[in-house]
Amino acid sequence: MLKPGPDHPIDIRPARNRWRAAFDGHVIADSADALILKEAAYPPVVYFPRADVEMSFMGRTDRSTHCPYKGDASYYTLQMDGRIADNVAWSYEHPYEGMETIGERIAFYADRVEVYEIDDAAVNPRHRDENVDQVVQHTDAGDGHAQRGHWPPNVGSGGQPEGGVR
């Protein structure tokens, strides 16, 4: 096991935007939680959380490789619409110390699967950075009950904002 250093730097950071992977025109991964790994002089690699990859199209293969910095990689073949792309993705399921953040994530060969960054606001212009789970828990399920109590009103009687100032 080798440690990254000045002679072989490895930098892993959360992606600033949403990332997708598409194969034959079908989106097979979509994540706002991708990681970007930059290693030495290699091109950056996007690692998707396994939960954000459509694993029903993926099959584990017998192929494995070893990286002295990251550990052993397992490979996946993608099958969709009768097309097969052998060993098109890999995962470090038990990475070396210091590389744990990429563990259980999937990366794709960018020359075989289209991997691209998207602007979430352009895809969904109504998207707001709200905790959707919080909104759902305070929403009436139709029977007069919610998982959490209703939020306090933000308007007074007669449609006036609290305090009577508009």
C-alpha atoms as a PDB file:
ATOM      1  CA  MET A   1       0.000   0.000   0.000  1.00  0.00           C
ATOM      2  CA  LEU A   2       1.336   3.390  -1.015  1.00  0.00           C
ATOM      3  CA  LYS A   3       0.253   6.717   0.436  1.00  0.00           C
ATOM      4  CA  PRO A   4      -0.579   9.698  -1.799  1.00  0.00           C
ATOM      5  CA  GLY A   5       1.966  12.472  -1.532  1.00  0.00           C
ATOM      6  CA  PRO A   6       3.675  15.216  -3.535  1.00  0.00           C
ATOM      7  CA  ASP A   7       4.952  12.692  -6.097  1.00  0.00           C
ATOM      8  CA  HIS A   8       1.484  11.109  -6.524  1.00  0.00           C
ATOM      9  CA  PRO A   9      -1.273  13.417  -5.192  1.00  0.00           C
ATOM     10  CA  ILE A  10      -4.861  12.231  -4.823  1.00  0.00           C
ATOM     11  CA  ASP A  11      -7.589  14.761  -4.081  1.00  0.00           C
ATOM     12  CA  ILE A  12     -11.226  13.751  -3.432  1.00  0.00           C
ATOM     13  CA  ARG A  13     -13.859  16.462  -3.183  1.00  0.00           C
ATOM     14  CA  PRO A  14     -17.645  16.667  -3.311  1.00  0.00           C
ATOM     15  CA  ALA A  15     -18.896  17.775  -6.720  1.00  0.00           C
ATOM     16  CA  ARG A  16     -20.335  21.287  -6.742  1.00  0.00           C
ATOM     17  CA  ASN A  17     -23.133  20.373  -9.145  1.00  0.00           C
ATOM     18  CA  ARG A  18     -25.247  17.370 -10.067  1.00  0.00           C
ATOM     19  CA  TRP A  19     -23.653  14.666 -12.269  1.00  0.00           C
ATOM     20  CA  ARG A  20     -25.154  12.085 -14.592  1.00  0.00           C
ATOM     21  CA  ALA A  21     -23.983   9.052 -16.505  1.00  0.00           C
ATOM     22  CA  ALA A  22     -25.810   7.966 -19.658  1.00  0.00           C
ATOM     23  CA  PHE A  23     -25.466   4.897 -21.841  1.00  0.00           C
ATOM     24  CA  ASP A  24     -27.050   4.667 -25.268  1.00  0.00           C
ATOM     25  CA  GLY A  25     -29.234   7.687 -24.487  1.00  0.00           C
ATOM     26  CA  HIS A  26     -30.468   6.340 -21.126  1.00  0.00           C
ATOM     27  CA  VAL A  27     -29.537   7.989 -17.823  1.00  0.00           C
ATOM     28  CA  ILE A  28     -28.118   5.250 -15.613  1.00  0.00           C
ATOM     29  CA  ALA A  29     -26.777   7.439 -12.790  1.00  0.00           C
ATOM     30  CA  ASP A  30     -27.942  10.791 -11.461  1.00  0.00           C
ATOM     31  CA  SER A  31     -26.519  12.284  -8.298  1.00  0.00           C
ATOM     32  CA  ALA A  32     -26.210  15.494  -6.367  1.00  0.00           C
ATOM     33  CA  ASP A  33     -23.784  13.604  -4.076  1.00  0.00           C
ATOM     34  CA  ALA A  34     -21.002  12.675  -6.517  1.00  0.00           C
ATOM     35  CA  LEU A  35     -17.325  12.847  -5.623  1.00  0.00           C
ATOM     36  CA  ILE A  36     -14.556  14.019  -7.956  1.00  0.00           C
ATOM     37  CA  LEU A  37     -11.241  12.195  -7.611  1.00  0.00           C
ATOM     38  CA  LYS A  38      -8.154  13.846  -9.095  1.00  0.00           C
ATOM     39  CA  GLU A  39      -5.124  11.577  -9.094  1.00  0.00           C
ATOM     40  CA  ALA A  40      -1.675  12.689 -10.228  1.00  0.00           C
ATOM     41  CA  ALA A  41      -1.763  13.515 -13.970  1.00  0.00           C
ATOM     42  CA  TYR A  42      -4.828  11.341 -14.727  1.00  0.00           C
ATOM     43  CA  PRO A  43      -8.120  12.923 -15.835  1.00  0.00           C
ATOM     44  CA  PRO A  44     -10.614  13.510 -12.984  1.00  0.00           C
ATOM     45  CA  VAL A  45     -13.007  10.633 -12.232  1.00  0.00           C
ATOM     46  CA  VAL A  46     -16.583  11.000 -10.980  1.00  0.00           C
ATOM     47  CA  TYR A  47     -17.650   8.509  -8.293  1.00  0.00           C
ATOM     48  CA  PHE A  48     -21.415   8.054  -7.918  1.00  0.00           C
ATOM     49  CA  PRO A  49     -23.079   6.721  -4.768  1.00  0.00           C
ATOM     50  CA  ARG A  50     -24.296   3.198  -5.522  1.00  0.00           C
ATOM     51  CA  ALA A  51     -27.827   4.257  -4.484  1.00  0.00           C
ATOM     52  CA  ASP A  52     -27.825   6.798  -7.343  1.00  0.00           C
ATOM     53  CA  VAL A  53     -26.856   4.235 -10.008  1.00  0.00           C
ATOM     54  CA  GLU A  54     -29.460   2.050 -11.717  1.00  0.00           C
ATOM     55  CA  MET A  55     -27.801  -1.206 -10.635  1.00  0.00           C
ATOM     56  CA  SER A  56     -30.480  -3.373 -12.316  1.00  0.00           C
ATOM     57  CA  PHE A  57     -28.572  -2.842 -15.600  1.00  0.00           C
ATOM     58  CA  MET A  58     -25.215  -3.681 -14.015  1.00  0.00           C
ATOM     59  CA  GLY A  59     -23.670  -7.102 -13.489  1.00  0.00           C
ATOM     60  CA  ARG A  60     -20.511  -7.838 -11.517  1.00  0.00           C
ATOM     61  CA  THR A  61     -17.730  -9.448 -13.550  1.00  0.00           C
ATOM     62  CA  ASP A  62     -14.737 -11.573 -12.608  1.00  0.00           C
ATOM     63  CA  ARG A  63     -12.317  -8.776 -13.511  1.00  0.00           C
ATOM     64  CA  SER A  64     -10.404  -7.032 -10.753  1.00  0.00           C
ATOM     65  CA  THR A  65      -7.417  -4.717 -10.716  1.00  0.00           C
ATOM     66  CA  HIS A  66      -5.133  -3.430  -8.015  1.00  0.00           C
ATOM     67  CA  CYS A  67      -4.090   0.166  -7.377  1.00  0.00           C
ATOM     68  CA  PRO A  68      -1.284   0.564  -4.846  1.00  0.00           C
ATOM     69  CA  TYR A  69      -2.926   3.798  -3.617  1.00  0.00           C
ATOM     70  CA  LYS A  70      -6.620   2.897  -3.555  1.00  0.00           C
ATOM     71  CA  GLY A  71      -6.832  -0.907  -3.266  1.00  0.00           C
ATOM     72  CA  ASP A  72      -8.614  -3.586  -5.301  1.00  0.00           C
ATOM     73  CA  ALA A  73     -11.265  -2.570  -7.826  1.00  0.00           C
ATOM     74  CA  SER A  74     -14.224  -4.722  -8.854  1.00  0.00           C
ATOM     75  CA  TYR A  75     -15.766  -4.291 -12.314  1.00  0.00           C
ATOM     76  CA  TYR A  76     -19.267  -4.187 -13.753  1.00  0.00           C
ATOM     77  CA  THR A  77     -20.750  -4.885 -17.158  1.00  0.00           C
ATOM     78  CA  LEU A  78     -23.721  -2.850 -18.342  1.00  0.00           C
ATOM     79  CA  GLN A  79     -26.546  -4.444 -20.335  1.00  0.00           C
ATOM     80  CA  MET A  80     -29.293  -2.310 -21.816  1.00  0.00           C
ATOM     81  CA  ASP A  81     -31.613  -2.716 -24.802  1.00  0.00           C
ATOM     82  CA  GLY A  82     -29.654  -5.742 -26.021  1.00  0.00           C
ATOM     83  CA  ARG A  83     -26.340  -3.868 -25.925  1.00  0.00           C
ATOM     84  CA  ILE A  84     -23.578  -5.042 -23.639  1.00  0.00           C
ATOM     85  CA  ALA A  85     -20.643  -2.941 -22.462  1.00  0.00           C
ATOM     86  CA  ASP A  86     -18.151  -5.205 -20.692  1.00  0.00           C
ATOM     87  CA  ASN A  87     -16.276  -3.910 -17.665  1.00  0.00           C
ATOM     88  CA  VAL A  88     -17.583  -0.390 -18.164  1.00  0.00           C
ATOM     89  CA  ALA A  89     -17.585   0.616 -14.471  1.00  0.00           C
ATOM     90  CA  TRP A  90     -15.582  -0.108 -11.349  1.00  0.00           C
ATOM     91  CA  SER A  91     -15.861   0.179  -7.589  1.00  0.00           C
ATOM     92  CA  TYR A  92     -13.453   0.073  -4.666  1.00  0.00           C
ATOM     93  CA  GLU A  93     -15.578  -1.847  -2.207  1.00  0.00           C
ATOM     94  CA  HIS A  94     -12.866  -2.009   0.465  1.00  0.00           C
ATOM     95  CA  PRO A  95     -10.459   0.846  -0.343  1.00  0.00           C
ATOM     96  CA  TYR A  96      -7.241   1.532   1.511  1.00  0.00           C
ATOM     97  CA  GLU A  97      -7.054   3.824   4.510  1.00  0.00           C
ATOM     98  CA  GLY A  98      -7.512   7.424   3.432  1.00  0.00           C
ATOM     99  CA  MET A  99      -9.622   6.434   0.402  1.00  0.00           C
ATOM    100  CA  GLU A 100     -12.729   5.343   2.341  1.00  0.00           C
ATOM    101  CA  THR A 101     -14.872   8.096   0.821  1.00  0.00           C
ATOM    102  CA  ILE A 102     -14.878   6.323  -2.553  1.00  0.00           C
ATOM    103  CA  GLY A 103     -15.788   2.968  -1.009  1.00  0.00           C
ATOM    104  CA  GLU A 104     -18.994   1.433  -2.365  1.00  0.00           C
ATOM    105  CA  ARG A 105     -19.225   4.110  -5.080  1.00  0.00           C
ATOM    106  CA  ILE A 106     -19.304   3.463  -8.824  1.00  0.00           C
ATOM    107  CA  ALA A 107     -17.144   5.144 -11.478  1.00  0.00           C
ATOM    108  CA  PHE A 108     -17.590   4.794 -15.249  1.00  0.00           C
ATOM    109  CA  TYR A 109     -15.108   4.830 -18.111  1.00  0.00           C
ATOM    110  CA  ALA A 110     -15.889   8.203 -19.665  1.00  0.00           C
ATOM    111  CA  ASP A 111     -14.984   6.967 -23.157  1.00  0.00           C
ATOM    112  CA  ARG A 112     -17.700   4.277 -22.946  1.00  0.00           C
ATOM    113  CA  VAL A 113     -20.402   5.970 -20.864  1.00  0.00           C
ATOM    114  CA  GLU A 114     -21.256   9.643 -21.168  1.00  0.00           C
ATOM    115  CA  VAL A 115     -20.457  11.248 -17.795  1.00  0.00           C
ATOM    116  CA  TYR A 116     -21.512  14.872 -17.535  1.00  0.00           C
ATOM    117  CA  GLU A 117     -22.206  17.677 -15.118  1.00  0.00           C
ATOM    118  CA  ILE A 118     -25.610  19.340 -15.161  1.00  0.00           C
ATOM    119  CA  ASP A 119     -27.003  22.514 -13.699  1.00  0.00           C
ATOM    120  CA  ASP A 120     -29.793  21.423 -11.373  1.00  0.00           C
ATOM    121  CA  ALA A 121     -31.544  24.779 -11.741  1.00  0.00           C
ATOM    122  CA  ALA A 122     -31.636  24.359 -15.535  1.00  0.00           C
ATOM    123  CA  VAL A 123     -33.081  20.846 -15.259  1.00  0.00           C
ATOM    124  CA  ASN A 124     -35.575  21.753 -12.550  1.00  0.00           C
ATOM    125  CA  PRO A 125     -36.063  25.539 -12.395  1.00  0.00           C
ATOM    126  CA  ARG A 126     -38.517  25.208  -9.488  1.00  0.00           C
ATOM    127  CA  HIS A 127     -35.994  23.308  -7.380  1.00  0.00           C
ATOM    128  CA  ARG A 128     -35.257  24.956  -4.090  1.00  0.00           C
ATOM    129  CA  ASP A 129     -32.722  23.876  -1.523  1.00  0.00           C
ATOM    130  CA  GLU A 130     -35.323  22.832   1.019  1.00  0.00           C
ATOM    131  CA  ASN A 131     -35.292  19.710   3.062  1.00  0.00           C
ATOM    132  CA  VAL A 132     -38.066  17.867   1.212  1.00  0.00           C
ATOM    133  CA  ASP A 133     -38.445  15.386   4.065  1.00  0.00           C
ATOM    134  CA  GLN A 134     -39.318  18.265   6.401  1.00  0.00           C
ATOM    135  CA  VAL A 135     -41.956  19.556   3.999  1.00  0.00           C
ATOM    136  CA  VAL A 136     -43.532  16.106   3.608  1.00  0.00           C
ATOM    137  CA  GLN A 137     -43.628  15.538   7.374  1.00  0.00           C
ATOM    138  CA  HIS A 138     -45.551  18.784   7.885  1.00  0.00           C
ATOM    139  CA  THR A 139     -47.983  18.121   5.028  1.00  0.00           C
ATOM    140  CA  ASP A 140     -51.516  16.951   5.679  1.00  0.00           C
ATOM    141  CA  ALA A 141     -51.928  13.402   4.354  1.00  0.00           C
ATOM    142  CA  GLY A 142     -55.566  14.126   3.462  1.00  0.00           C
ATOM    143  CA  ASP A 143     -57.030  12.745   6.671  1.00  0.00           C
ATOM    144  CA  GLY A 144     -56.280  15.846   8.737  1.00  0.00           C
ATOM    145  CA  HIS A 145     -53.096  14.419  10.230  1.00  0.00           C
ATOM    146  CA  ALA A 146     -49.413  14.956   9.513  1.00  0.00           C
ATOM    147  CA  GLN A 147     -46.285  13.217  10.800  1.00  0.00           C
ATOM    148  CA  ARG A 148     -45.368  16.456  12.568  1.00  0.00           C
ATOM    149  CA  GLY A 149     -47.417  19.346  13.858  1.00  0.00           C
ATOM    150  CA  HIS A 150     -48.434  22.058  11.440  1.00  0.00           C
ATOM    151  CA  TRP A 151     -46.093  24.990  11.040  1.00  0.00           C
ATOM    152  CA  PRO A 152     -47.262  28.212  12.683  1.00  0.00           C
ATOM    153  CA  PRO A 153     -49.247  30.444  10.321  1.00  0.00           C
ATOM    154  CA  ASN A 154     -47.266  33.102   8.486  1.00  0.00           C
ATOM    155  CA  VAL A 155     -50.325  35.288   7.787  1.00  0.00           C
ATOM    156  CA  GLY A 156     -52.880  36.799  10.118  1.00  0.00           C
ATOM    157  CA  SER A 157     -56.629  36.754   9.688  1.00  0.00           C
ATOM    158  CA  GLY A 158     -57.916  38.400   6.535  1.00  0.00           C
ATOM    159  CA  GLY A 159     -54.820  37.445   4.546  1.00  0.00           C
ATOM    160  CA  GLN A 160     -52.634  40.048   6.287  1.00  0.00           C
ATOM    161  CA  PRO A 161     -49.067  39.029   7.201  1.00  0.00           C
ATOM    162  CA  GLU A 162     -48.401  38.662  10.934  1.00  0.00           C
ATOM    163  CA  GLY A 163     -48.051  42.163  12.341  1.00  0.00           C
ATOM    164  CA  GLY A 164     -50.450  43.574   9.737  1.00  0.00           C
ATOM    165  CA  VAL A 165     -47.724  45.021   7.506  1.00  0.00           C
ATOM    166  CA  ARG A 166     -47.555  44.133   3.832  1.00  0.00           C
END
